[in-house]
Amino acid sequence: MTQPMPADEANVDVLAIVDEAHLASFTDGDKALEDELADLFVNTARSYLKRMREALKEERSWSAEAHALKGASANLGANRMAALARQAEFMPPSGDQIAAIERALGDIQTFFADRTS
């Protein structure tokens, strides 16, 4: 079942890689805590992506994995990743969607790496 996308998700590239205000709202700007959350998120996202790749290979739905990734991304404030996962949740699995989500994950990793250097 395809659901309409909110207007701000129509072009995910304009969405924030990480919404810093959202992140700071629950870390009080504690960079060590933010880095810890980022590491936890990256490992979680990799796990969901692995399961999504398996679903694609097995030609089965991946809506549960995409939904979980959407929630984890939204919790961190990874708006672009959350939008991509939301799109994937309601679409048939595709390699292009996985590639877009993997690029977004790389952008998140770069975002946090740049903050620590």
N, C-alpha and C. Protein backbone atom coordinates (compact mmCIF):
# COMPACT_ATOMS: atom_id res chain seq x y z
N MET A 1 0.84 -1.17 0.00
CA MET A 1 0.00 0.00 0.00
C MET A 1 0.88 1.24 0.00
N THR A 2 0.74 2.07 -1.00
CA THR A 2 1.53 3.29 -1.11
C THR A 2 0.81 4.42 -0.39
N GLN A 3 1.53 5.11 0.46
CA GLN A 3 0.98 6.25 1.18
C GLN A 3 1.56 7.52 0.60
N PRO A 4 0.78 8.60 0.58
CA PRO A 4 1.34 9.86 0.06
C PRO A 4 2.45 10.37 0.97
N MET A 5 3.45 10.96 0.34
CA MET A 5 4.57 11.52 1.10
C MET A 5 4.24 12.94 1.53
N PRO A 6 4.61 13.30 2.77
CA PRO A 6 4.50 14.71 3.14
C PRO A 6 5.36 15.55 2.19
N ALA A 7 4.96 16.79 1.99
CA ALA A 7 5.66 17.66 1.03
C ALA A 7 7.14 17.78 1.34
N ASP A 8 7.52 17.80 2.62
CA ASP A 8 8.93 17.97 2.96
C ASP A 8 9.75 16.70 2.68
N GLU A 9 9.08 15.60 2.34
CA GLU A 9 9.81 14.38 2.01
C GLU A 9 9.92 14.17 0.50
N ALA A 10 9.29 15.04 -0.27
CA ALA A 10 9.32 14.87 -1.72
C ALA A 10 10.74 14.96 -2.26
N ASN A 11 11.56 15.81 -1.69
CA ASN A 11 12.96 15.94 -2.07
C ASN A 11 13.80 15.77 -0.81
N VAL A 12 14.14 14.53 -0.50
CA VAL A 12 14.82 14.23 0.75
C VAL A 12 16.19 14.89 0.86
N ASP A 13 16.79 15.22 -0.28
CA ASP A 13 18.13 15.82 -0.24
C ASP A 13 18.17 17.17 0.46
N VAL A 14 17.03 17.83 0.61
CA VAL A 14 17.02 19.13 1.28
C VAL A 14 16.83 18.98 2.79
N LEU A 15 16.53 17.76 3.24
CA LEU A 15 16.33 17.54 4.67
C LEU A 15 17.68 17.44 5.38
N ALA A 16 17.68 17.79 6.64
CA ALA A 16 18.91 17.77 7.44
C ALA A 16 19.44 16.35 7.57
N ILE A 17 20.76 16.23 7.45
CA ILE A 17 21.39 14.94 7.72
C ILE A 17 21.13 14.59 9.18
N VAL A 18 21.41 15.52 10.07
CA VAL A 18 21.07 15.41 11.49
C VAL A 18 20.59 16.77 11.95
N ASP A 19 19.44 16.80 12.55
CA ASP A 19 18.88 18.03 13.11
C ASP A 19 19.56 18.26 14.46
N GLU A 20 20.52 19.17 14.46
CA GLU A 20 21.32 19.39 15.66
C GLU A 20 20.50 19.90 16.84
N ALA A 21 19.49 20.70 16.57
CA ALA A 21 18.64 21.20 17.66
C ALA A 21 17.87 20.05 18.30
N HIS A 22 17.37 19.14 17.47
CA HIS A 22 16.66 17.97 18.00
C HIS A 22 17.60 17.13 18.85
N LEU A 23 18.78 16.87 18.33
CA LEU A 23 19.76 16.06 19.05
C LEU A 23 20.12 16.72 20.39
N ALA A 24 20.37 18.00 20.37
CA ALA A 24 20.74 18.72 21.59
C ALA A 24 19.60 18.78 22.59
N SER A 25 18.36 18.67 22.10
CA SER A 25 17.21 18.77 23.01
C SER A 25 17.16 17.63 24.01
N PHE A 26 17.75 16.51 23.70
CA PHE A 26 17.75 15.42 24.68
C PHE A 26 19.14 15.02 25.15
N THR A 27 20.18 15.71 24.67
CA THR A 27 21.54 15.44 25.15
C THR A 27 22.10 16.64 25.91
N ASP A 28 21.37 17.74 25.91
CA ASP A 28 21.84 18.99 26.51
C ASP A 28 23.21 19.39 25.98
N GLY A 29 23.45 19.05 24.72
CA GLY A 29 24.70 19.45 24.08
C GLY A 29 25.90 18.63 24.51
N ASP A 30 25.70 17.54 25.23
CA ASP A 30 26.79 16.67 25.69
C ASP A 30 27.33 15.91 24.48
N LYS A 31 28.48 16.34 23.97
CA LYS A 31 29.05 15.76 22.75
C LYS A 31 29.41 14.29 22.94
N ALA A 32 29.87 13.91 24.11
CA ALA A 32 30.20 12.50 24.35
C ALA A 32 28.93 11.64 24.25
N LEU A 33 27.84 12.12 24.82
CA LEU A 33 26.58 11.40 24.72
C LEU A 33 26.09 11.36 23.28
N GLU A 34 26.24 12.45 22.56
CA GLU A 34 25.85 12.48 21.16
C GLU A 34 26.65 11.47 20.34
N ASP A 35 27.95 11.39 20.60
CA ASP A 35 28.79 10.42 19.89
C ASP A 35 28.39 8.99 20.24
N GLU A 36 28.07 8.75 21.49
CA GLU A 36 27.63 7.42 21.91
C GLU A 36 26.31 7.05 21.22
N LEU A 37 25.38 7.99 21.17
CA LEU A 37 24.11 7.75 20.48
C LEU A 37 24.33 7.53 18.99
N ALA A 38 25.25 8.28 18.41
CA ALA A 38 25.55 8.12 16.98
C ALA A 38 26.10 6.72 16.71
N ASP A 39 27.02 6.24 17.55
CA ASP A 39 27.57 4.89 17.37
C ASP A 39 26.48 3.84 17.49
N LEU A 40 25.62 4.00 18.47
CA LEU A 40 24.52 3.06 18.65
C LEU A 40 23.59 3.09 17.44
N PHE A 41 23.29 4.29 16.96
CA PHE A 41 22.42 4.42 15.80
C PHE A 41 23.03 3.76 14.56
N VAL A 42 24.30 4.02 14.30
CA VAL A 42 24.95 3.46 13.11
C VAL A 42 24.91 1.94 13.15
N ASN A 43 25.20 1.36 14.29
CA ASN A 43 25.15 -0.10 14.40
C ASN A 43 23.73 -0.63 14.20
N THR A 44 22.76 0.06 14.76
CA THR A 44 21.36 -0.33 14.59
C THR A 44 20.95 -0.20 13.13
N ALA A 45 21.29 0.90 12.50
CA ALA A 45 20.94 1.13 11.10
C ALA A 45 21.57 0.07 10.20
N ARG A 46 22.81 -0.28 10.48
CA ARG A 46 23.47 -1.34 9.69
C ARG A 46 22.71 -2.66 9.80
N SER A 47 22.23 -2.95 11.00
CA SER A 47 21.46 -4.18 11.21
C SER A 47 20.16 -4.15 10.39
N TYR A 48 19.46 -3.03 10.42
CA TYR A 48 18.23 -2.91 9.63
C TYR A 48 18.53 -3.01 8.13
N LEU A 49 19.60 -2.37 7.70
CA LEU A 49 19.98 -2.43 6.29
C LEU A 49 20.32 -3.87 5.86
N LYS A 50 20.98 -4.59 6.73
CA LYS A 50 21.30 -5.99 6.43
C LYS A 50 20.01 -6.77 6.22
N ARG A 51 19.04 -6.56 7.11
CA ARG A 51 17.77 -7.26 6.98
C ARG A 51 16.99 -6.81 5.76
N MET A 52 17.14 -5.54 5.39
CA MET A 52 16.47 -5.04 4.18
C MET A 52 17.09 -5.67 2.94
N ARG A 53 18.42 -5.80 2.93
CA ARG A 53 19.08 -6.46 1.79
C ARG A 53 18.62 -7.91 1.68
N GLU A 54 18.48 -8.58 2.83
CA GLU A 54 17.99 -9.96 2.82
C GLU A 54 16.56 -10.02 2.27
N ALA A 55 15.72 -9.08 2.68
CA ALA A 55 14.33 -9.05 2.18
C ALA A 55 14.31 -8.84 0.67
N LEU A 56 15.17 -7.98 0.18
CA LEU A 56 15.24 -7.74 -1.27
C LEU A 56 15.65 -9.03 -1.98
N LYS A 57 16.67 -9.68 -1.46
CA LYS A 57 17.16 -10.92 -2.07
C LYS A 57 16.08 -12.01 -2.05
N GLU A 58 15.33 -12.06 -0.95
CA GLU A 58 14.29 -13.09 -0.78
C GLU A 58 12.95 -12.68 -1.41
N GLU A 59 12.92 -11.48 -1.99
CA GLU A 59 11.72 -10.95 -2.63
C GLU A 59 10.52 -10.95 -1.69
N ARG A 60 10.75 -10.43 -0.49
CA ARG A 60 9.67 -10.31 0.49
C ARG A 60 9.58 -8.86 0.98
N SER A 61 8.52 -8.56 1.67
CA SER A 61 8.32 -7.20 2.18
C SER A 61 9.41 -6.85 3.20
N TRP A 62 9.72 -5.58 3.23
CA TRP A 62 10.67 -5.10 4.24
C TRP A 62 10.06 -3.96 5.05
N SER A 63 8.76 -3.88 5.06
CA SER A 63 8.11 -2.75 5.72
C SER A 63 8.43 -2.69 7.21
N ALA A 64 8.54 -3.84 7.88
CA ALA A 64 8.86 -3.82 9.31
C ALA A 64 10.26 -3.26 9.56
N GLU A 65 11.22 -3.67 8.75
CA GLU A 65 12.59 -3.18 8.90
C GLU A 65 12.67 -1.69 8.59
N ALA A 66 12.00 -1.28 7.52
CA ALA A 66 12.01 0.14 7.14
C ALA A 66 11.33 0.98 8.21
N HIS A 67 10.23 0.46 8.77
CA HIS A 67 9.53 1.19 9.83
C HIS A 67 10.42 1.37 11.06
N ALA A 68 11.11 0.31 11.44
CA ALA A 68 12.02 0.40 12.59
C ALA A 68 13.16 1.38 12.32
N LEU A 69 13.70 1.36 11.11
CA LEU A 69 14.76 2.29 10.75
C LEU A 69 14.25 3.72 10.76
N LYS A 70 13.04 3.92 10.29
CA LYS A 70 12.42 5.25 10.30
C LYS A 70 12.34 5.78 11.74
N GLY A 71 11.89 4.95 12.66
CA GLY A 71 11.76 5.37 14.04
C GLY A 71 13.10 5.69 14.69
N ALA A 72 14.06 4.82 14.47
CA ALA A 72 15.40 5.05 15.04
C ALA A 72 16.00 6.35 14.48
N SER A 73 15.80 6.58 13.19
CA SER A 73 16.34 7.78 12.55
C SER A 73 15.67 9.04 13.09
N ALA A 74 14.35 8.98 13.22
CA ALA A 74 13.62 10.14 13.74
C ALA A 74 14.03 10.45 15.18
N ASN A 75 14.25 9.40 15.98
CA ASN A 75 14.69 9.62 17.36
C ASN A 75 16.01 10.37 17.43
N LEU A 76 16.92 10.05 16.53
CA LEU A 76 18.23 10.71 16.51
C LEU A 76 18.14 12.11 15.91
N GLY A 77 17.12 12.34 15.09
CA GLY A 77 17.04 13.60 14.36
C GLY A 77 17.66 13.49 12.98
N ALA A 78 17.85 12.26 12.51
CA ALA A 78 18.40 12.01 11.17
C ALA A 78 17.25 12.10 10.17
N ASN A 79 16.86 13.33 9.85
CA ASN A 79 15.65 13.57 9.07
C ASN A 79 15.70 12.97 7.67
N ARG A 80 16.82 13.08 7.01
CA ARG A 80 16.93 12.55 5.65
C ARG A 80 16.75 11.02 5.66
N MET A 81 17.44 10.37 6.60
CA MET A 81 17.33 8.91 6.71
C MET A 81 15.91 8.51 7.09
N ALA A 82 15.27 9.24 7.99
CA ALA A 82 13.90 8.93 8.38
C ALA A 82 12.96 9.03 7.18
N ALA A 83 13.15 10.04 6.35
CA ALA A 83 12.31 10.21 5.16
C ALA A 83 12.53 9.08 4.16
N LEU A 84 13.78 8.70 3.96
CA LEU A 84 14.07 7.60 3.04
C LEU A 84 13.48 6.29 3.56
N ALA A 85 13.58 6.06 4.85
CA ALA A 85 13.03 4.84 5.44
C ALA A 85 11.51 4.85 5.35
N ARG A 86 10.90 6.01 5.53
CA ARG A 86 9.45 6.11 5.40
C ARG A 86 9.02 5.78 3.97
N GLN A 87 9.73 6.30 3.02
CA GLN A 87 9.42 5.98 1.62
C GLN A 87 9.55 4.48 1.38
N ALA A 88 10.63 3.88 1.88
CA ALA A 88 10.86 2.46 1.69
C ALA A 88 9.78 1.61 2.36
N GLU A 89 9.28 2.10 3.48
CA GLU A 89 8.27 1.36 4.24
C GLU A 89 7.04 1.06 3.39
N PHE A 90 6.69 1.96 2.50
CA PHE A 90 5.45 1.83 1.75
C PHE A 90 5.66 1.50 0.27
N MET A 91 6.89 1.15 -0.09
CA MET A 91 7.20 0.82 -1.48
C MET A 91 7.77 -0.59 -1.56
N PRO A 92 7.65 -1.22 -2.71
CA PRO A 92 8.29 -2.52 -2.86
C PRO A 92 9.81 -2.38 -2.74
N PRO A 93 10.47 -3.36 -2.16
CA PRO A 93 11.93 -3.29 -2.01
C PRO A 93 12.65 -3.07 -3.34
N SER A 94 13.70 -2.26 -3.29
CA SER A 94 14.52 -2.04 -4.48
C SER A 94 15.96 -1.74 -4.08
N GLY A 95 16.85 -2.09 -4.96
CA GLY A 95 18.27 -1.80 -4.75
C GLY A 95 18.54 -0.31 -4.70
N ASP A 96 17.78 0.47 -5.47
CA ASP A 96 17.97 1.92 -5.46
C ASP A 96 17.65 2.51 -4.09
N GLN A 97 16.61 1.99 -3.45
CA GLN A 97 16.25 2.49 -2.11
C GLN A 97 17.34 2.14 -1.10
N ILE A 98 17.86 0.93 -1.19
CA ILE A 98 18.94 0.55 -0.29
C ILE A 98 20.16 1.43 -0.51
N ALA A 99 20.50 1.69 -1.76
CA ALA A 99 21.65 2.54 -2.06
C ALA A 99 21.46 3.95 -1.49
N ALA A 100 20.26 4.50 -1.60
CA ALA A 100 19.99 5.84 -1.06
C ALA A 100 20.11 5.85 0.46
N ILE A 101 19.61 4.80 1.10
CA ILE A 101 19.70 4.72 2.56
C ILE A 101 21.15 4.54 2.99
N GLU A 102 21.91 3.75 2.26
CA GLU A 102 23.33 3.58 2.58
C GLU A 102 24.09 4.90 2.43
N ARG A 103 23.76 5.69 1.40
CA ARG A 103 24.40 7.01 1.24
C ARG A 103 24.05 7.91 2.42
N ALA A 104 22.80 7.87 2.83
CA ALA A 104 22.37 8.69 3.97
C ALA A 104 23.10 8.27 5.24
N LEU A 105 23.29 6.97 5.42
CA LEU A 105 24.02 6.49 6.59
C LEU A 105 25.47 6.98 6.53
N GLY A 106 26.08 6.94 5.37
CA GLY A 106 27.43 7.48 5.22
C GLY A 106 27.49 8.95 5.55
N ASP A 107 26.47 9.70 5.14
CA ASP A 107 26.41 11.14 5.46
C ASP A 107 26.32 11.36 6.97
N ILE A 108 25.56 10.52 7.65
CA ILE A 108 25.43 10.63 9.11
C ILE A 108 26.77 10.35 9.77
N GLN A 109 27.45 9.31 9.31
CA GLN A 109 28.76 8.99 9.87
C GLN A 109 29.74 10.14 9.65
N THR A 110 29.72 10.72 8.46
CA THR A 110 30.60 11.86 8.16
C THR A 110 30.24 13.05 9.04
N PHE A 111 28.96 13.30 9.21
CA PHE A 111 28.49 14.40 10.06
C PHE A 111 29.11 14.30 11.45
N PHE A 112 29.02 13.12 12.06
CA PHE A 112 29.55 12.96 13.42
C PHE A 112 31.09 12.94 13.44
N ALA A 113 31.71 12.38 12.42
CA ALA A 113 33.18 12.37 12.36
C ALA A 113 33.72 13.80 12.23
N ASP A 114 33.04 14.62 11.43
CA ASP A 114 33.48 16.01 11.25
C ASP A 114 33.34 16.81 12.53
N ARG A 115 32.41 16.47 13.37
CA ARG A 115 32.20 17.20 14.63
C ARG A 115 33.28 16.90 15.64
N THR A 116 33.89 15.73 15.53
CA THR A 116 34.91 15.36 16.52
C THR A 116 36.32 15.73 16.07
N SER A 117 36.47 16.15 14.81
CA SER A 117 37.83 16.47 14.35
C SER A 117 38.12 17.95 14.47
